[in-house]
All heavy atoms as atom14 arrays in JSON, in Angstrom:
{
  "sequence": "EALPPGNDEIGFELDAAACRTRIGAGHRTIRCDVTQYPTWVFKGRTEG",
  "atom14_mask": [
    [1, 1, 1, 1, 1, 1, 1, 1, 1, 0, 0, 0, 0, 0],
    [1, 1, 1, 1, 1, 0, 0, 0, 0, 0, 0, 0, 0, 0],
    [1, 1, 1, 1, 1, 1, 1, 1, 0, 0, 0, 0, 0, 0],
    [1, 1, 1, 1, 1, 1, 1, 0, 0, 0, 0, 0, 0, 0],
    [1, 1, 1, 1, 1, 1, 1, 0, 0, 0, 0, 0, 0, 0],
    [1, 1, 1, 1, 0, 0, 0, 0, 0, 0, 0, 0, 0, 0],
    [1, 1, 1, 1, 1, 1, 1, 1, 0, 0, 0, 0, 0, 0],
    [1, 1, 1, 1, 1, 1, 1, 1, 0, 0, 0, 0, 0, 0],
    [1, 1, 1, 1, 1, 1, 1, 1, 1, 0, 0, 0, 0, 0],
    [1, 1, 1, 1, 1, 1, 1, 1, 0, 0, 0, 0, 0, 0],
    [1, 1, 1, 1, 0, 0, 0, 0, 0, 0, 0, 0, 0, 0],
    [1, 1, 1, 1, 1, 1, 1, 1, 1, 1, 1, 0, 0, 0],
    [1, 1, 1, 1, 1, 1, 1, 1, 1, 0, 0, 0, 0, 0],
    [1, 1, 1, 1, 1, 1, 1, 1, 0, 0, 0, 0, 0, 0],
    [1, 1, 1, 1, 1, 1, 1, 1, 0, 0, 0, 0, 0, 0],
    [1, 1, 1, 1, 1, 0, 0, 0, 0, 0, 0, 0, 0, 0],
    [1, 1, 1, 1, 1, 0, 0, 0, 0, 0, 0, 0, 0, 0],
    [1, 1, 1, 1, 1, 0, 0, 0, 0, 0, 0, 0, 0, 0],
    [1, 1, 1, 1, 1, 1, 0, 0, 0, 0, 0, 0, 0, 0],
    [1, 1, 1, 1, 1, 1, 1, 1, 1, 1, 1, 0, 0, 0],
    [1, 1, 1, 1, 1, 1, 1, 0, 0, 0, 0, 0, 0, 0],
    [1, 1, 1, 1, 1, 1, 1, 1, 1, 1, 1, 0, 0, 0],
    [1, 1, 1, 1, 1, 1, 1, 1, 0, 0, 0, 0, 0, 0],
    [1, 1, 1, 1, 0, 0, 0, 0, 0, 0, 0, 0, 0, 0],
    [1, 1, 1, 1, 1, 0, 0, 0, 0, 0, 0, 0, 0, 0],
    [1, 1, 1, 1, 0, 0, 0, 0, 0, 0, 0, 0, 0, 0],
    [1, 1, 1, 1, 1, 1, 1, 1, 1, 1, 0, 0, 0, 0],
    [1, 1, 1, 1, 1, 1, 1, 1, 1, 1, 1, 0, 0, 0],
    [1, 1, 1, 1, 1, 1, 1, 0, 0, 0, 0, 0, 0, 0],
    [1, 1, 1, 1, 1, 1, 1, 1, 0, 0, 0, 0, 0, 0],
    [1, 1, 1, 1, 1, 1, 1, 1, 1, 1, 1, 0, 0, 0],
    [1, 1, 1, 1, 1, 1, 0, 0, 0, 0, 0, 0, 0, 0],
    [1, 1, 1, 1, 1, 1, 1, 1, 0, 0, 0, 0, 0, 0],
    [1, 1, 1, 1, 1, 1, 1, 0, 0, 0, 0, 0, 0, 0],
    [1, 1, 1, 1, 1, 1, 1, 0, 0, 0, 0, 0, 0, 0],
    [1, 1, 1, 1, 1, 1, 1, 1, 1, 0, 0, 0, 0, 0],
    [1, 1, 1, 1, 1, 1, 1, 1, 1, 1, 1, 1, 0, 0],
    [1, 1, 1, 1, 1, 1, 1, 0, 0, 0, 0, 0, 0, 0],
    [1, 1, 1, 1, 1, 1, 1, 0, 0, 0, 0, 0, 0, 0],
    [1, 1, 1, 1, 1, 1, 1, 1, 1, 1, 1, 1, 1, 1],
    [1, 1, 1, 1, 1, 1, 1, 0, 0, 0, 0, 0, 0, 0],
    [1, 1, 1, 1, 1, 1, 1, 1, 1, 1, 1, 0, 0, 0],
    [1, 1, 1, 1, 1, 1, 1, 1, 1, 0, 0, 0, 0, 0],
    [1, 1, 1, 1, 0, 0, 0, 0, 0, 0, 0, 0, 0, 0],
    [1, 1, 1, 1, 1, 1, 1, 1, 1, 1, 1, 0, 0, 0],
    [1, 1, 1, 1, 1, 1, 1, 0, 0, 0, 0, 0, 0, 0],
    [1, 1, 1, 1, 1, 1, 1, 1, 1, 0, 0, 0, 0, 0],
    [1, 1, 1, 1, 0, 0, 0, 0, 0, 0, 0, 0, 0, 0]
  ],
  "atom14_positions": [
    [[94.21, 38.89, 112.96], [94.46, 39.9, 111.96], [95.68, 39.65, 111.09], [95.79, 40.04, 110.07], [94.5, 41.29, 112.61], [93.23, 41.9, 113.09], [92.35, 42.26, 111.91], [92.7, 43.08, 111.12], [91.28, 41.62, 111.7], [0.0, 0.0, 0.0], [0.0, 0.0, 0.0], [0.0, 0.0, 0.0], [0.0, 0.0, 0.0], [0.0, 0.0, 0.0]],
    [[96.61, 38.86, 111.76], [97.9, 38.54, 111.07], [97.73, 37.34, 110.15], [98.5, 37.14, 109.24], [98.99, 38.29, 112.05], [0.0, 0.0, 0.0], [0.0, 0.0, 0.0], [0.0, 0.0, 0.0], [0.0, 0.0, 0.0], [0.0, 0.0, 0.0], [0.0, 0.0, 0.0], [0.0, 0.0, 0.0], [0.0, 0.0, 0.0], [0.0, 0.0, 0.0]],
    [[96.71, 36.48, 110.4], [96.54, 35.24, 109.58], [96.11, 35.65, 108.17], [95.42, 36.64, 107.97], [95.5, 34.33, 110.23], [95.94, 33.54, 111.4], [94.79, 32.96, 112.18], [96.9, 32.37, 111.01], [0.0, 0.0, 0.0], [0.0, 0.0, 0.0], [0.0, 0.0, 0.0], [0.0, 0.0, 0.0], [0.0, 0.0, 0.0], [0.0, 0.0, 0.0]],
    [[96.49, 34.85, 107.2], [96.15, 35.15, 105.84], [94.63, 35.1, 105.58], [94.02, 34.27, 106.25], [96.88, 34.08, 105.02], [97.12, 32.97, 105.91], [97.28, 33.61, 107.3], [0.0, 0.0, 0.0], [0.0, 0.0, 0.0], [0.0, 0.0, 0.0], [0.0, 0.0, 0.0], [0.0, 0.0, 0.0], [0.0, 0.0, 0.0], [0.0, 0.0, 0.0]],
    [[94.14, 35.9, 104.73], [92.62, 35.77, 104.4], [92.3, 34.42, 103.96], [93.07, 33.7, 103.28], [92.5, 36.83, 103.27], [93.66, 37.74, 103.46], [94.75, 37.02, 103.98], [0.0, 0.0, 0.0], [0.0, 0.0, 0.0], [0.0, 0.0, 0.0], [0.0, 0.0, 0.0], [0.0, 0.0, 0.0], [0.0, 0.0, 0.0], [0.0, 0.0, 0.0]],
    [[91.05, 33.99, 104.3], [90.58, 32.7, 103.87], [91.0, 31.47, 104.77], [90.83, 30.39, 104.39], [0.0, 0.0, 0.0], [0.0, 0.0, 0.0], [0.0, 0.0, 0.0], [0.0, 0.0, 0.0], [0.0, 0.0, 0.0], [0.0, 0.0, 0.0], [0.0, 0.0, 0.0], [0.0, 0.0, 0.0], [0.0, 0.0, 0.0], [0.0, 0.0, 0.0]],
    [[91.71, 31.93, 105.93], [92.12, 30.8, 106.83], [90.95, 30.13, 107.49], [89.85, 30.71, 107.54], [93.11, 31.3, 107.84], [92.41, 32.32, 108.8], [91.84, 31.92, 109.74], [92.55, 33.58, 108.55], [0.0, 0.0, 0.0], [0.0, 0.0, 0.0], [0.0, 0.0, 0.0], [0.0, 0.0, 0.0], [0.0, 0.0, 0.0], [0.0, 0.0, 0.0]],
    [[91.14, 29.02, 108.14], [90.11, 28.27, 108.83], [90.32, 28.35, 110.35], [90.14, 27.33, 111.04], [90.19, 26.78, 108.35], [88.88, 26.0, 108.68], [87.87, 26.68, 108.93], [88.93, 24.8, 108.72], [0.0, 0.0, 0.0], [0.0, 0.0, 0.0], [0.0, 0.0, 0.0], [0.0, 0.0, 0.0], [0.0, 0.0, 0.0], [0.0, 0.0, 0.0]],
    [[90.56, 29.56, 110.82], [90.81, 29.81, 112.23], [89.4, 29.84, 113.04], [88.45, 30.33, 112.52], [91.52, 31.07, 112.44], [91.64, 31.44, 113.9], [91.43, 32.91, 114.21], [90.76, 33.56, 113.41], [91.86, 33.42, 115.25], [0.0, 0.0, 0.0], [0.0, 0.0, 0.0], [0.0, 0.0, 0.0], [0.0, 0.0, 0.0], [0.0, 0.0, 0.0]],
    [[89.42, 29.32, 114.25], [88.33, 29.51, 115.11], [88.91, 29.95, 116.47], [89.77, 29.27, 117.0], [87.45, 28.25, 115.26], [86.18, 28.61, 116.15], [88.18, 27.05, 115.72], [85.08, 27.58, 115.94], [0.0, 0.0, 0.0], [0.0, 0.0, 0.0], [0.0, 0.0, 0.0], [0.0, 0.0, 0.0], [0.0, 0.0, 0.0], [0.0, 0.0, 0.0]],
    [[88.43, 31.07, 116.93], [88.97, 31.61, 118.18], [88.08, 31.43, 119.39], [86.88, 31.59, 119.32], [0.0, 0.0, 0.0], [0.0, 0.0, 0.0], [0.0, 0.0, 0.0], [0.0, 0.0, 0.0], [0.0, 0.0, 0.0], [0.0, 0.0, 0.0], [0.0, 0.0, 0.0], [0.0, 0.0, 0.0], [0.0, 0.0, 0.0], [0.0, 0.0, 0.0]],
    [[88.66, 31.05, 120.55], [87.95, 30.86, 121.86], [88.29, 32.12, 122.7], [89.4, 32.28, 123.07], [88.37, 29.51, 122.43], [88.14, 28.37, 121.55], [89.15, 27.96, 120.7], [86.99, 27.64, 121.58], [89.01, 26.85, 119.92], [86.82, 26.59, 120.68], [87.77, 26.17, 119.91], [0.0, 0.0, 0.0], [0.0, 0.0, 0.0], [0.0, 0.0, 0.0]],
    [[87.31, 32.8, 123.1], [87.44, 34.03, 123.89], [86.38, 34.15, 124.88], [85.18, 33.97, 124.46], [87.55, 35.22, 122.89], [87.62, 36.62, 123.56], [88.8, 36.76, 124.5], [89.98, 36.51, 124.05], [88.57, 37.08, 125.68], [0.0, 0.0, 0.0], [0.0, 0.0, 0.0], [0.0, 0.0, 0.0], [0.0, 0.0, 0.0], [0.0, 0.0, 0.0]],
    [[86.74, 34.58, 126.11], [85.72, 34.7, 127.1], [85.08, 36.15, 127.19], [83.93, 36.25, 127.55], [86.27, 34.4, 128.5], [85.41, 34.35, 129.7], [84.23, 33.44, 129.52], [86.17, 33.96, 130.98], [0.0, 0.0, 0.0], [0.0, 0.0, 0.0], [0.0, 0.0, 0.0], [0.0, 0.0, 0.0], [0.0, 0.0, 0.0], [0.0, 0.0, 0.0]],
    [[85.93, 37.17, 126.98], [85.44, 38.48, 127.15], [84.45, 38.95, 126.05], [84.69, 38.71, 124.82], [86.71, 39.45, 127.05], [86.29, 40.91, 127.29], [86.12, 41.28, 128.45], [86.14, 41.67, 126.24], [0.0, 0.0, 0.0], [0.0, 0.0, 0.0], [0.0, 0.0, 0.0], [0.0, 0.0, 0.0], [0.0, 0.0, 0.0], [0.0, 0.0, 0.0]],
    [[83.31, 39.42, 126.5], [82.17, 39.71, 125.57], [82.6, 40.81, 124.53], [82.27, 40.73, 123.37], [80.89, 40.12, 126.33], [0.0, 0.0, 0.0], [0.0, 0.0, 0.0], [0.0, 0.0, 0.0], [0.0, 0.0, 0.0], [0.0, 0.0, 0.0], [0.0, 0.0, 0.0], [0.0, 0.0, 0.0], [0.0, 0.0, 0.0], [0.0, 0.0, 0.0]],
    [[83.24, 41.93, 125.06], [83.63, 42.97, 124.12], [84.62, 42.5, 123.1], [84.56, 42.84, 121.92], [84.17, 44.12, 124.93], [0.0, 0.0, 0.0], [0.0, 0.0, 0.0], [0.0, 0.0, 0.0], [0.0, 0.0, 0.0], [0.0, 0.0, 0.0], [0.0, 0.0, 0.0], [0.0, 0.0, 0.0], [0.0, 0.0, 0.0], [0.0, 0.0, 0.0]],
    [[85.61, 41.68, 123.55], [86.52, 41.16, 122.64], [85.92, 40.23, 121.53], [86.31, 40.27, 120.39], [87.63, 40.41, 123.37], [0.0, 0.0, 0.0], [0.0, 0.0, 0.0], [0.0, 0.0, 0.0], [0.0, 0.0, 0.0], [0.0, 0.0, 0.0], [0.0, 0.0, 0.0], [0.0, 0.0, 0.0], [0.0, 0.0, 0.0], [0.0, 0.0, 0.0]],
    [[84.9, 39.46, 121.99], [84.23, 38.66, 121.01], [83.51, 39.53, 119.94], [83.49, 39.17, 118.82], [83.15, 37.76, 121.8], [83.89, 36.39, 122.65], [0.0, 0.0, 0.0], [0.0, 0.0, 0.0], [0.0, 0.0, 0.0], [0.0, 0.0, 0.0], [0.0, 0.0, 0.0], [0.0, 0.0, 0.0], [0.0, 0.0, 0.0], [0.0, 0.0, 0.0]],
    [[82.89, 40.59, 120.41], [82.18, 41.47, 119.43], [83.24, 42.08, 118.46], [82.93, 42.24, 117.27], [81.47, 42.63, 120.15], [80.23, 42.09, 120.92], [79.25, 43.2, 121.33], [79.91, 44.23, 122.14], [79.94, 44.22, 123.46], [79.39, 43.21, 124.17], [80.51, 45.16, 124.1], [0.0, 0.0, 0.0], [0.0, 0.0, 0.0], [0.0, 0.0, 0.0]],
    [[84.41, 42.44, 118.95], [85.45, 42.99, 118.08], [85.84, 41.92, 117.1], [85.95, 42.22, 115.92], [86.63, 43.44, 118.96], [86.24, 44.53, 119.84], [87.84, 43.84, 118.07], [0.0, 0.0, 0.0], [0.0, 0.0, 0.0], [0.0, 0.0, 0.0], [0.0, 0.0, 0.0], [0.0, 0.0, 0.0], [0.0, 0.0, 0.0], [0.0, 0.0, 0.0]],
    [[86.02, 40.74, 117.53], [86.45, 39.66, 116.63], [85.4, 39.46, 115.48], [85.72, 39.27, 114.35], [86.69, 38.39, 117.37], [87.98, 38.3, 118.25], [88.12, 36.96, 118.9], [88.02, 35.91, 117.98], [89.0, 35.41, 117.14], [90.18, 36.05, 117.16], [88.8, 34.46, 116.28], [0.0, 0.0, 0.0], [0.0, 0.0, 0.0], [0.0, 0.0, 0.0]],
    [[84.18, 39.34, 115.97], [83.05, 38.94, 115.0], [82.92, 40.11, 113.96], [82.75, 39.88, 112.74], [81.79, 38.74, 115.76], [81.92, 37.41, 116.53], [80.59, 38.57, 114.8], [80.83, 37.17, 117.55], [0.0, 0.0, 0.0], [0.0, 0.0, 0.0], [0.0, 0.0, 0.0], [0.0, 0.0, 0.0], [0.0, 0.0, 0.0], [0.0, 0.0, 0.0]],
    [[83.03, 41.35, 114.49], [82.97, 42.53, 113.62], [84.03, 42.57, 112.67], [83.9, 43.14, 111.52], [0.0, 0.0, 0.0], [0.0, 0.0, 0.0], [0.0, 0.0, 0.0], [0.0, 0.0, 0.0], [0.0, 0.0, 0.0], [0.0, 0.0, 0.0], [0.0, 0.0, 0.0], [0.0, 0.0, 0.0], [0.0, 0.0, 0.0], [0.0, 0.0, 0.0]],
    [[85.21, 42.03, 112.99], [86.39, 42.05, 112.1], [86.35, 40.85, 111.16], [87.25, 40.73, 110.26], [87.64, 42.08, 112.95], [0.0, 0.0, 0.0], [0.0, 0.0, 0.0], [0.0, 0.0, 0.0], [0.0, 0.0, 0.0], [0.0, 0.0, 0.0], [0.0, 0.0, 0.0], [0.0, 0.0, 0.0], [0.0, 0.0, 0.0], [0.0, 0.0, 0.0]],
    [[85.44, 39.96, 111.28], [85.3, 38.83, 110.39], [85.94, 37.59, 110.81], [86.28, 36.72, 109.96], [0.0, 0.0, 0.0], [0.0, 0.0, 0.0], [0.0, 0.0, 0.0], [0.0, 0.0, 0.0], [0.0, 0.0, 0.0], [0.0, 0.0, 0.0], [0.0, 0.0, 0.0], [0.0, 0.0, 0.0], [0.0, 0.0, 0.0], [0.0, 0.0, 0.0]],
    [[86.12, 37.39, 112.15], [86.86, 36.24, 112.61], [85.87, 35.24, 113.38], [85.21, 35.76, 114.31], [87.95, 36.66, 113.6], [88.93, 37.62, 113.03], [89.67, 37.34, 111.86], [89.25, 38.86, 113.35], [90.39, 38.35, 111.57], [90.26, 39.27, 112.43], [0.0, 0.0, 0.0], [0.0, 0.0, 0.0], [0.0, 0.0, 0.0], [0.0, 0.0, 0.0]],
    [[85.84, 34.02, 113.06], [84.97, 33.12, 113.62], [85.33, 33.01, 115.09], [86.52, 32.83, 115.44], [85.06, 31.68, 112.98], [84.56, 31.65, 111.6], [84.42, 30.19, 111.04], [85.67, 29.56, 111.08], [85.81, 28.25, 111.02], [84.78, 27.48, 110.84], [87.06, 27.67, 110.98], [0.0, 0.0, 0.0], [0.0, 0.0, 0.0], [0.0, 0.0, 0.0]],
    [[84.28, 32.98, 115.89], [84.53, 33.12, 117.37], [83.56, 32.26, 118.19], [82.35, 32.21, 117.88], [84.34, 34.59, 117.79], [85.3, 35.39, 117.06], [84.62, 34.79, 119.3], [0.0, 0.0, 0.0], [0.0, 0.0, 0.0], [0.0, 0.0, 0.0], [0.0, 0.0, 0.0], [0.0, 0.0, 0.0], [0.0, 0.0, 0.0], [0.0, 0.0, 0.0]],
    [[84.0, 31.62, 119.17], [83.16, 30.98, 120.17], [83.43, 31.65, 121.55], [84.62, 31.63, 122.0], [83.46, 29.41, 120.3], [83.14, 28.72, 119.04], [82.72, 28.85, 121.47], [83.44, 27.32, 119.06], [0.0, 0.0, 0.0], [0.0, 0.0, 0.0], [0.0, 0.0, 0.0], [0.0, 0.0, 0.0], [0.0, 0.0, 0.0], [0.0, 0.0, 0.0]],
    [[82.41, 32.17, 122.14], [82.57, 32.86, 123.46], [82.47, 31.72, 124.48], [81.4, 31.05, 124.66], [81.55, 33.84, 123.74], [81.89, 34.64, 125.02], [80.79, 35.57, 125.41], [81.15, 36.18, 126.72], [80.34, 36.83, 127.51], [79.11, 36.99, 127.16], [80.75, 37.28, 128.69], [0.0, 0.0, 0.0], [0.0, 0.0, 0.0], [0.0, 0.0, 0.0]],
    [[83.54, 31.53, 125.14], [83.66, 30.37, 126.23], [84.82, 30.59, 127.06], [85.73, 31.41, 126.72], [83.63, 29.06, 125.44], [85.18, 28.76, 124.62], [0.0, 0.0, 0.0], [0.0, 0.0, 0.0], [0.0, 0.0, 0.0], [0.0, 0.0, 0.0], [0.0, 0.0, 0.0], [0.0, 0.0, 0.0], [0.0, 0.0, 0.0], [0.0, 0.0, 0.0]],
    [[84.87, 29.73, 128.12], [86.02, 29.6, 128.96], [86.82, 28.43, 128.29], [86.37, 27.32, 128.32], [85.65, 29.26, 130.37], [86.82, 28.94, 131.3], [87.96, 28.86, 130.73], [86.63, 28.82, 132.47], [0.0, 0.0, 0.0], [0.0, 0.0, 0.0], [0.0, 0.0, 0.0], [0.0, 0.0, 0.0], [0.0, 0.0, 0.0], [0.0, 0.0, 0.0]],
    [[87.91, 28.77, 127.66], [88.66, 27.8, 126.88], [89.14, 26.54, 127.72], [89.38, 25.46, 127.24], [89.8, 28.45, 126.13], [90.94, 28.83, 127.14], [90.45, 27.54, 125.08], [0.0, 0.0, 0.0], [0.0, 0.0, 0.0], [0.0, 0.0, 0.0], [0.0, 0.0, 0.0], [0.0, 0.0, 0.0], [0.0, 0.0, 0.0], [0.0, 0.0, 0.0]],
    [[89.33, 26.83, 129.0], [89.76, 25.74, 129.93], [88.68, 24.72, 130.09], [89.02, 23.53, 130.57], [90.16, 26.32, 131.25], [89.01, 26.73, 132.01], [91.13, 27.4, 131.21], [0.0, 0.0, 0.0], [0.0, 0.0, 0.0], [0.0, 0.0, 0.0], [0.0, 0.0, 0.0], [0.0, 0.0, 0.0], [0.0, 0.0, 0.0], [0.0, 0.0, 0.0]],
    [[87.5, 24.98, 129.74], [86.33, 24.04, 129.96], [85.89, 23.47, 128.6], [84.99, 22.58, 128.6], [85.18, 24.76, 130.67], [85.47, 25.34, 132.04], [86.06, 24.3, 132.95], [85.39, 23.21, 133.12], [87.14, 24.6, 133.58], [0.0, 0.0, 0.0], [0.0, 0.0, 0.0], [0.0, 0.0, 0.0], [0.0, 0.0, 0.0], [0.0, 0.0, 0.0]],
    [[86.39, 23.95, 127.56], [85.87, 23.49, 126.2], [86.52, 22.14, 125.86], [87.72, 21.92, 126.01], [86.24, 24.52, 125.18], [85.27, 24.48, 124.0], [84.07, 25.27, 124.04], [85.48, 23.75, 122.84], [83.16, 25.25, 122.98], [84.63, 23.71, 121.83], [83.44, 24.4, 121.84], [82.62, 24.39, 120.84], [0.0, 0.0, 0.0], [0.0, 0.0, 0.0]],
    [[85.71, 21.23, 125.3], [86.3, 19.85, 124.95], [87.17, 19.99, 123.77], [86.89, 20.64, 122.78], [85.02, 19.07, 124.68], [83.99, 20.12, 124.24], [84.3, 21.35, 125.09], [0.0, 0.0, 0.0], [0.0, 0.0, 0.0], [0.0, 0.0, 0.0], [0.0, 0.0, 0.0], [0.0, 0.0, 0.0], [0.0, 0.0, 0.0], [0.0, 0.0, 0.0]],
    [[88.23, 19.16, 123.81], [89.15, 19.12, 122.6], [88.79, 18.1, 121.54], [89.12, 18.25, 120.43], [90.58, 18.82, 123.13], [90.53, 17.55, 123.82], [91.1, 19.85, 124.12], [0.0, 0.0, 0.0], [0.0, 0.0, 0.0], [0.0, 0.0, 0.0], [0.0, 0.0, 0.0], [0.0, 0.0, 0.0], [0.0, 0.0, 0.0], [0.0, 0.0, 0.0]],
    [[88.0, 17.11, 122.01], [87.73, 15.96, 121.06], [87.03, 16.47, 119.82], [87.05, 15.73, 118.78], [86.92, 14.87, 121.81], [85.55, 15.29, 122.25], [85.18, 15.74, 123.47], [84.3, 15.4, 121.52], [83.89, 16.07, 123.57], [83.3, 15.83, 122.29], [84.06, 15.02, 120.14], [82.01, 16.01, 121.95], [82.69, 15.22, 119.76], [81.75, 15.65, 120.57]],
    [[86.31, 17.55, 119.92], [85.58, 18.06, 118.71], [86.49, 18.32, 117.55], [86.1, 18.25, 116.38], [84.86, 19.39, 119.15], [84.09, 19.98, 117.99], [83.97, 19.25, 120.35], [0.0, 0.0, 0.0], [0.0, 0.0, 0.0], [0.0, 0.0, 0.0], [0.0, 0.0, 0.0], [0.0, 0.0, 0.0], [0.0, 0.0, 0.0], [0.0, 0.0, 0.0]],
    [[87.8, 18.58, 117.84], [88.67, 18.96, 116.78], [89.7, 17.9, 116.44], [90.65, 18.16, 115.68], [89.37, 20.25, 117.18], [88.42, 21.38, 117.55], [88.24, 21.69, 118.89], [87.69, 22.05, 116.63], [87.32, 22.65, 119.26], [86.77, 23.05, 117.02], [86.59, 23.3, 118.34], [0.0, 0.0, 0.0], [0.0, 0.0, 0.0], [0.0, 0.0, 0.0]],
    [[89.62, 16.76, 117.07], [90.53, 15.7, 116.74], [90.63, 15.37, 115.33], [89.53, 15.15, 114.68], [90.21, 14.46, 117.58], [90.82, 14.5, 119.05], [90.61, 13.14, 119.72], [91.26, 13.13, 121.1], [92.71, 13.25, 121.07], [0.0, 0.0, 0.0], [0.0, 0.0, 0.0], [0.0, 0.0, 0.0], [0.0, 0.0, 0.0], [0.0, 0.0, 0.0]],
    [[91.78, 15.21, 114.78], [92.03, 14.77, 113.44], [91.83, 15.83, 112.34], [91.92, 15.6, 111.17], [0.0, 0.0, 0.0], [0.0, 0.0, 0.0], [0.0, 0.0, 0.0], [0.0, 0.0, 0.0], [0.0, 0.0, 0.0], [0.0, 0.0, 0.0], [0.0, 0.0, 0.0], [0.0, 0.0, 0.0], [0.0, 0.0, 0.0], [0.0, 0.0, 0.0]],
    [[91.59, 17.09, 112.8], [91.32, 18.09, 111.79], [91.94, 19.44, 112.19], [91.47, 20.53, 111.89], [89.83, 18.34, 111.51], [88.93, 18.54, 112.59], [87.5, 18.31, 112.23], [86.51, 18.67, 113.28], [85.76, 19.8, 113.22], [85.91, 20.63, 112.24], [84.88, 20.03, 114.19], [0.0, 0.0, 0.0], [0.0, 0.0, 0.0], [0.0, 0.0, 0.0]],
    [[93.04, 19.44, 113.05], [93.65, 20.63, 113.52], [94.95, 20.79, 112.85], [95.89, 20.03, 113.03], [93.82, 20.51, 115.05], [92.59, 20.4, 115.71], [94.49, 21.83, 115.56], [0.0, 0.0, 0.0], [0.0, 0.0, 0.0], [0.0, 0.0, 0.0], [0.0, 0.0, 0.0], [0.0, 0.0, 0.0], [0.0, 0.0, 0.0], [0.0, 0.0, 0.0]],
    [[95.0, 21.82, 112.06], [96.3, 22.1, 111.32], [97.22, 22.98, 112.21], [98.44, 22.71, 112.28], [95.98, 22.92, 110.08], [97.27, 23.4, 109.38], [96.88, 24.42, 108.23], [95.72, 24.81, 108.06], [97.84, 24.98, 107.66], [0.0, 0.0, 0.0], [0.0, 0.0, 0.0], [0.0, 0.0, 0.0], [0.0, 0.0, 0.0], [0.0, 0.0, 0.0]],
    [[96.73, 23.97, 112.84], [97.61, 24.82, 113.68], [97.03, 25.18, 115.02], [95.76, 25.07, 115.23], [0.0, 0.0, 0.0], [0.0, 0.0, 0.0], [0.0, 0.0, 0.0], [0.0, 0.0, 0.0], [0.0, 0.0, 0.0], [0.0, 0.0, 0.0], [0.0, 0.0, 0.0], [0.0, 0.0, 0.0], [0.0, 0.0, 0.0], [0.0, 0.0, 0.0]]
  ]
}
């Protein structure tokens, strides 16, 4: 909610209710265990 509009954020969240809140608020979301998600997908294109 603090990031400026139009940002390229993608959030990793495990809790189902929190994911629904994020999606309803307009934030790109992947529901997952972030400790198991591969990092290579984002190599070379991570600003923040």
